[in-house]
PDB file of N, CA and C in Angstrom:
ATOM      1  N   UNK A   1       0.527  -0.025  12.253  1.00  0.00           N
ATOM      2  CA  UNK A   1       1.459  -1.020  12.051  1.00  0.00           C
ATOM      3  C   UNK A   1       1.552  -1.056  10.255  1.00  0.00           C
ATOM      4  N   UNK A   2       2.682  -0.763   9.528  1.00  0.00           N
ATOM      5  CA  UNK A   2       2.305  -0.525   8.120  1.00  0.00           C
ATOM      6  C   UNK A   2       3.646  -1.872   7.555  1.00  0.00           C
ATOM      7  N   UNK A   3       3.477  -2.233   6.393  1.00  0.00           N
ATOM      8  CA  UNK A   3       4.254  -3.327   5.730  1.00  0.00           C
ATOM      9  C   UNK A   3       5.388  -2.741   6.016  1.00  0.00           C
ATOM     10  N   UNK A   4       6.011  -2.028   5.399  1.00  0.00           N
ATOM     11  CA  UNK A   4       7.251  -1.258   5.340  1.00  0.00           C
ATOM     12  C   UNK A   4       7.837  -1.894   6.662  1.00  0.00           C
ATOM     13  N   UNK A   5       7.373  -0.935   8.187  1.00  0.00           N
ATOM     14  CA  UNK A   5       7.978  -1.175   9.379  1.00  0.00           C
ATOM     15  C   UNK A   5       7.912  -3.053   9.809  1.00  0.00           C
ATOM     16  N   UNK A   6       7.691  -3.712   9.006  1.00  0.00           N
ATOM     17  CA  UNK A   6       7.286  -5.539   9.275  1.00  0.00           C
ATOM     18  C   UNK A   6       8.234  -6.126   8.336  1.00  0.00           C
ATOM     19  N   UNK A   7       9.030  -4.884   7.411  1.00  0.00           N
ATOM     20  CA  UNK A   7       9.625  -6.421   6.476  1.00  0.00           C
ATOM     21  C   UNK A   7      10.783  -6.513   6.054  1.00  0.00           C
ATOM     22  N   UNK A   8      11.159  -5.510   7.224  1.00  0.00           N
ATOM     23  CA  UNK A   8      12.622  -5.609   7.752  1.00  0.00           C
ATOM     24  C   UNK A   8      13.342  -6.366   9.075  1.00  0.00           C
ATOM     25  N   UNK A   9      12.279  -6.639   9.674  1.00  0.00           N
ATOM     26  CA  UNK A   9      12.201  -7.718  10.580  1.00  0.00           C
ATOM     27  C   UNK A   9      12.443  -8.881  10.406  1.00  0.00           C
ATOM     28  N   UNK A  10      12.978 -10.081  11.195  1.00  0.00           N
ATOM     29  CA  UNK A  10      13.337 -11.446  11.302  1.00  0.00           C
ATOM     30  C   UNK A  10      12.036 -12.055  11.620  1.00  0.00           C
ATOM     31  N   UNK A  11      12.269 -13.343  10.904  1.00  0.00           N
ATOM     32  CA  UNK A  11      11.125 -14.478  10.962  1.00  0.00           C
ATOM     33  C   UNK A  11      10.618 -14.507  12.263  1.00  0.00           C
ATOM     34  N   UNK A  12      12.109 -14.528  13.541  1.00  0.00           N
ATOM     35  CA  UNK A  12      11.500 -15.105  14.392  1.00  0.00           C
ATOM     36  C   UNK A  12      10.874 -13.531  15.688  1.00  0.00           C
ATOM     37  N   UNK A  13      11.438 -12.325  14.960  1.00  0.00           N
ATOM     38  CA  UNK A  13      10.468 -11.474  15.676  1.00  0.00           C
ATOM     39  C   UNK A  13       8.970 -11.006  15.534  1.00  0.00           C
ATOM     40  N   UNK A  14       8.826 -11.682  13.549  1.00  0.00           N
ATOM     41  CA  UNK A  14       7.692 -11.478  13.362  1.00  0.00           C
ATOM     42  C   UNK A  14       6.524 -12.486  14.233  1.00  0.00           C
ATOM     43  N   UNK A  15       7.186 -13.431  14.475  1.00  0.00           N
ATOM     44  CA  UNK A  15       6.513 -14.935  14.725  1.00  0.00           C
ATOM     45  C   UNK A  15       6.206 -14.469  15.857  1.00  0.00           C
ATOM     46  N   UNK A  16       7.129 -13.687  17.031  1.00  0.00           N
ATOM     47  CA  UNK A  16       6.291 -13.124  18.703  1.00  0.00           C
ATOM     48  C   UNK A  16       5.491 -12.086  18.133  1.00  0.00           C
ATOM     49  N   UNK A  17       5.915 -11.468  17.359  1.00  0.00           N
ATOM     50  CA  UNK A  17       4.755 -10.116  17.262  1.00  0.00           C
ATOM     51  C   UNK A  17       3.375 -10.584  17.007  1.00  0.00           C
ATOM     52  N   UNK A  18       3.403 -11.403  16.176  1.00  0.00           N
ATOM     53  CA  UNK A  18       1.859 -12.413  15.844  1.00  0.00           C
ATOM     54  C   UNK A  18       1.523 -13.069  17.005  1.00  0.00           C
ATOM     55  N   UNK A  19       2.235 -13.984  17.575  1.00  0.00           N
ATOM     56  CA  UNK A  19       1.404 -14.063  18.792  1.00  0.00           C
ATOM     57  C   UNK A  19       1.235 -13.283  19.556  1.00  0.00           C
ATOM     58  N   UNK A  20       1.805 -12.239  20.120  1.00  0.00           N
ATOM     59  CA  UNK A  20       1.334 -11.125  20.641  1.00  0.00           C
ATOM     60  C   UNK A  20       0.022 -10.374  19.846  1.00  0.00           C
ATOM     61  N   UNK A  21      -0.234 -10.441  18.708  1.00  0.00           N
ATOM     62  CA  UNK A  21      -1.273  -9.742  18.565  1.00  0.00           C
ATOM     63  C   UNK A  21      -2.234 -10.369  18.750  1.00  0.00           C
ATOM     64  N   UNK A  22      -2.488 -11.946  18.294  1.00  0.00           N
ATOM     65  CA  UNK A  22      -3.326 -12.773  18.599  1.00  0.00           C
ATOM     66  C   UNK A  22      -3.982 -13.044  19.982  1.00  0.00           C
ATOM     67  N   UNK A  23      -2.854 -12.587  20.980  1.00  0.00           N
ATOM     68  CA  UNK A  23      -3.468 -12.532  22.295  1.00  0.00           C
ATOM     69  C   UNK A  23      -4.339 -11.420  22.763  1.00  0.00           C
ATOM     70  N   UNK A  24      -3.772 -10.077  21.938  1.00  0.00           N
ATOM     71  CA  UNK A  24      -4.444  -8.680  21.895  1.00  0.00           C
ATOM     72  C   UNK A  24      -5.465  -8.577  21.136  1.00  0.00           C
ATOM     73  N   UNK A  25      -5.908  -9.331  20.345  1.00  0.00           N
ATOM     74  CA  UNK A  25      -7.376  -9.689  19.843  1.00  0.00           C
ATOM     75  C   UNK A  25      -8.093 -10.691  20.435  1.00  0.00           C
ATOM     76  N   UNK A  26      -7.697 -11.698  21.236  1.00  0.00           N
ATOM     77  CA  UNK A  26      -8.062 -12.750  22.132  1.00  0.00           C
ATOM     78  C   UNK A  26      -8.779 -11.218  23.140  1.00  0.00           C
ATOM     79  N   UNK A  27      -8.036 -10.968  24.186  1.00  0.00           N
ATOM     80  CA  UNK A  27      -8.515  -9.787  25.037  1.00  0.00           C
ATOM     81  C   UNK A  27      -9.566  -8.897  24.491  1.00  0.00           C
ATOM     82  N   UNK A  28      -9.534  -8.192  23.254  1.00  0.00           N
ATOM     83  CA  UNK A  28     -10.112  -7.750  23.009  1.00  0.00           C
ATOM     84  C   UNK A  28     -11.305  -8.467  22.801  1.00  0.00           C
ATOM     85  N   UNK A  29     -11.404  -9.457  21.825  1.00  0.00           N
ATOM     86  CA  UNK A  29     -13.392 -10.326  21.772  1.00  0.00           C
ATOM     87  C   UNK A  29     -13.612 -10.510  23.122  1.00  0.00           C
ATOM     88  N   UNK A  30     -13.110 -10.698  24.166  1.00  0.00           N
ATOM     89  CA  UNK A  30     -13.318 -10.814  25.504  1.00  0.00           C
ATOM     90  C   UNK A  30     -14.347  -9.808  25.904  1.00  0.00           C
ATOM     91  N   UNK A  31     -13.468  -8.615  25.687  1.00  0.00           N
ATOM     92  CA  UNK A  31     -13.801  -7.245  26.389  1.00  0.00           C
ATOM     93  C   UNK A  31     -15.126  -6.981  25.267  1.00  0.00           C
ATOM     94  N   UNK A  32     -15.576  -6.955  24.254  1.00  0.00           N
ATOM     95  CA  UNK A  32     -16.629  -6.914  23.974  1.00  0.00           C
ATOM     96  C   UNK A  32     -17.745  -7.680  24.408  1.00  0.00           C
ATOM     97  N   UNK A  33     -17.438  -8.933  24.454  1.00  0.00           N
ATOM     98  CA  UNK A  33     -18.527  -9.844  24.844  1.00  0.00           C
ATOM     99  C   UNK A  33     -18.917  -9.402  26.313  1.00  0.00           C
ATOM    100  N   UNK A  34     -18.170  -8.495  27.100  1.00  0.00           N
ATOM    101  CA  UNK A  34     -18.845  -7.980  28.672  1.00  0.00           C
ATOM    102  C   UNK A  34     -18.682  -6.747  28.167  1.00  0.00           C
ATOM    103  N   UNK A  35     -18.641  -6.042  27.360  1.00  0.00           N
ATOM    104  CA  UNK A  35     -19.696  -4.231  27.053  1.00  0.00           C
ATOM    105  C   UNK A  35     -18.447  -4.005  27.904  1.00  0.00           C
ATOM    106  N   UNK A  36     -17.806  -4.156  27.440  1.00  0.00           N
ATOM    107  CA  UNK A  36     -15.990  -3.041  27.985  1.00  0.00           C
ATOM    108  C   UNK A  36     -15.534  -2.502  27.137  1.00  0.00           C
ATOM    109  N   UNK A  37     -15.625  -2.772  25.928  1.00  0.00           N
ATOM    110  CA  UNK A  37     -14.863  -2.058  24.590  1.00  0.00           C
ATOM    111  C   UNK A  37     -15.701  -0.968  24.353  1.00  0.00           C
ATOM    112  N   UNK A  38     -14.689   0.132  24.195  1.00  0.00           N
ATOM    113  CA  UNK A  38     -15.482   1.354  23.729  1.00  0.00           C
ATOM    114  C   UNK A  38     -15.110   1.517  22.543  1.00  0.00           C
ATOM    115  N   UNK A  39     -14.195   1.001  22.251  1.00  0.00           N
ATOM    116  CA  UNK A  39     -13.955   1.560  20.633  1.00  0.00           C
ATOM    117  C   UNK A  39     -14.086   0.060  19.802  1.00  0.00           C
ATOM    118  N   UNK A  40     -15.112  -0.607  19.136  1.00  0.00           N
ATOM    119  CA  UNK A  40     -15.111  -1.581  18.553  1.00  0.00           C
ATOM    120  C   UNK A  40     -14.440  -1.680  17.374  1.00  0.00           C
ATOM    121  N   UNK A  41     -14.275  -0.774  16.560  1.00  0.00           N
ATOM    122  CA  UNK A  41     -12.904  -0.529  15.287  1.00  0.00           C
ATOM    123  C   UNK A  41     -11.938  -0.960  16.100  1.00  0.00           C
ATOM    124  N   UNK A  42     -11.491  -1.884  17.314  1.00  0.00           N
ATOM    125  CA  UNK A  42     -10.231  -1.838  17.595  1.00  0.00           C
ATOM    126  C   UNK A  42      -9.803  -3.598  17.152  1.00  0.00           C
ATOM    127  N   UNK A  43     -10.826  -4.317  16.808  1.00  0.00           N
ATOM    128  CA  UNK A  43     -10.882  -5.878  16.734  1.00  0.00           C
ATOM    129  C   UNK A  43     -10.702  -5.227  15.234  1.00  0.00           C
ATOM    130  N   UNK A  44     -11.010  -4.791  14.259  1.00  0.00           N
ATOM    131  CA  UNK A  44     -10.881  -4.807  13.595  1.00  0.00           C
ATOM    132  C   UNK A  44      -9.444  -4.271  12.753  1.00  0.00           C
ATOM    133  N   UNK A  45      -9.213  -3.346  13.370  1.00  0.00           N
ATOM    134  CA  UNK A  45      -7.154  -2.775  12.985  1.00  0.00           C
ATOM    135  C   UNK A  45      -6.727  -4.214  13.857  1.00  0.00           C
ATOM    136  N   UNK A  46      -6.876  -4.495  14.624  1.00  0.00           N
ATOM    137  CA  UNK A  46      -5.927  -5.746  15.053  1.00  0.00           C
ATOM    138  C   UNK A  46      -5.800  -6.513  14.306  1.00  0.00           C
ATOM    139  N   UNK A  47      -6.744  -7.550  13.650  1.00  0.00           N
ATOM    140  CA  UNK A  47      -7.276  -8.406  12.659  1.00  0.00           C
ATOM    141  C   UNK A  47      -6.246  -7.936  11.194  1.00  0.00           C
ATOM    142  N   UNK A  48      -6.707  -6.721  11.396  1.00  0.00           N
ATOM    143  CA  UNK A  48      -5.658  -6.388   9.741  1.00  0.00           C
ATOM    144  C   UNK A  48      -4.366  -6.350  10.053  1.00  0.00           C
ATOM    145  N   UNK A  49      -3.749  -5.933  11.371  1.00  0.00           N
ATOM    146  CA  UNK A  49      -2.180  -6.141  11.684  1.00  0.00           C
ATOM    147  C   UNK A  49      -1.804  -7.681  11.581  1.00  0.00           C
ATOM    148  N   UNK A  50      -2.789  -8.279  12.379  1.00  0.00           N
ATOM    149  CA  UNK A  50      -2.004  -9.869  12.457  1.00  0.00           C
ATOM    150  C   UNK A  50      -2.614 -10.049  10.616  1.00  0.00           C
ATOM    151  N   UNK A  51      -3.488 -10.127   9.840  1.00  0.00           N
ATOM    152  CA  UNK A  51      -2.911 -10.470   8.378  1.00  0.00           C
ATOM    153  C   UNK A  51      -1.493  -9.821   8.064  1.00  0.00           C
ATOM    154  N   UNK A  52      -1.521  -8.317   7.964  1.00  0.00           N
ATOM    155  CA  UNK A  52      -0.027  -7.842   7.775  1.00  0.00           C
ATOM    156  C   UNK A  52       1.033  -8.464   8.023  1.00  0.00           C
ATOM    157  N   UNK A  53       0.794  -9.171   9.169  1.00  0.00           N
ATOM    158  CA  UNK A  53       2.226 -10.361  10.058  1.00  0.00           C
ATOM    159  C   UNK A  53       2.477 -11.063   8.838  1.00  0.00           C
ATOM    160  N   UNK A  54       1.400 -11.897   9.175  1.00  0.00           N
ATOM    161  CA  UNK A  54       1.347 -13.018   7.822  1.00  0.00           C
ATOM    162  C   UNK A  54       1.914 -12.847   6.674  1.00  0.00           C
ATOM    163  N   UNK A  55       1.576 -12.084   5.910  1.00  0.00           N
ATOM    164  CA  UNK A  55       1.988 -11.573   4.245  1.00  0.00           C
ATOM    165  C   UNK A  55       3.273 -11.341   4.545  1.00  0.00           C
ATOM    166  N   UNK A  56       3.583 -10.778   5.721  1.00  0.00           N
ATOM    167  CA  UNK A  56       5.390 -10.571   5.484  1.00  0.00           C
ATOM    168  C   UNK A  56       5.829 -11.886   6.141  1.00  0.00           C
ATOM    169  N   UNK A  57       5.591 -12.573   6.953  1.00  0.00           N
ATOM    170  CA  UNK A  57       5.597 -13.771   7.068  1.00  0.00           C
ATOM    171  C   UNK A  57       6.251 -14.489   5.883  1.00  0.00           C
ATOM    172  N   UNK A  58       4.984 -14.772   5.400  1.00  0.00           N
ATOM    173  CA  UNK A  58       5.055 -15.683   3.947  1.00  0.00           C
ATOM    174  C   UNK A  58       6.111 -15.538   3.145  1.00  0.00           C
ATOM    175  N   UNK A  59       6.006 -13.631   3.063  1.00  0.00           N
ATOM    176  CA  UNK A  59       6.899 -13.338   1.749  1.00  0.00           C
ATOM    177  C   UNK A  59       8.171 -13.298   1.971  1.00  0.00           C
ATOM    178  N   UNK A  60       8.360 -13.692   3.437  1.00  0.00           N
ATOM    179  CA  UNK A  60      10.208 -13.928   3.795  1.00  0.00           C
ATOM    180  C   UNK A  60      10.493 -15.436   3.338  1.00  0.00           C
ATOM    181  N   UNK A  61       9.460 -15.743   3.624  1.00  0.00           N
ATOM    182  CA  UNK A  61       9.653 -17.530   3.582  1.00  0.00           C
ATOM    183  C   UNK A  61       9.606 -17.827   1.794  1.00  0.00           C
ATOM    184  N   UNK A  62       8.587 -17.063   0.974  1.00  0.00           N
ATOM    185  CA  UNK A  62       9.265 -17.359  -0.163  1.00  0.00           C
ATOM    186  C   UNK A  62      10.197 -16.417  -0.959  1.00  0.00           C
ATOM    187  N   UNK A  63      10.637 -15.949  -0.320  1.00  0.00           N
ATOM    188  CA  UNK A  63      11.915 -15.320  -0.920  1.00  0.00           C
ATOM    189  C   UNK A  63      13.216 -16.222  -0.446  1.00  0.00           C
ATOM    190  N   UNK A  64      13.179 -16.665   0.904  1.00  0.00           N
ATOM    191  CA  UNK A  64      14.088 -17.700   1.548  1.00  0.00           C
ATOM    192  C   UNK A  64      14.347 -18.786   0.385  1.00  0.00           C
ATOM    193  N   UNK A  65      13.240 -19.621  -0.244  1.00  0.00           N
ATOM    194  CA  UNK A  65      13.152 -20.323  -0.796  1.00  0.00           C
ATOM    195  C   UNK A  65      13.627 -20.466  -2.965  1.00  0.00           C
ATOM    196  N   UNK A  66      13.468 -19.041  -2.797  1.00  0.00           N
ATOM    197  CA  UNK A  66      14.375 -18.776  -4.220  1.00  0.00           C
ATOM    198  C   UNK A  66      15.225 -18.612  -4.216  1.00  0.00           C
TER     199      UNK A  66
END
C-alpha cells in the first residue's frame, strides 16, 4: 500500500481501513505468540501501513483546516 493510493480516499474510507489494519496487526501478534506466524516481517509491514494511513488522515485534516 502506497501513500499515493491512500491520498485519493476519503477520511471515512481511511478510518475504516485503519480499523481493519489494526485488527489485522492484532491477529498477526496473536499468531506470533502462538508460533504460527511463518513470516514475522508481516508485522513490520502492517505497522508501516498503519503509519501511512495515519499520515494520510492527518494530511486530510490539516488541508481541511487551511
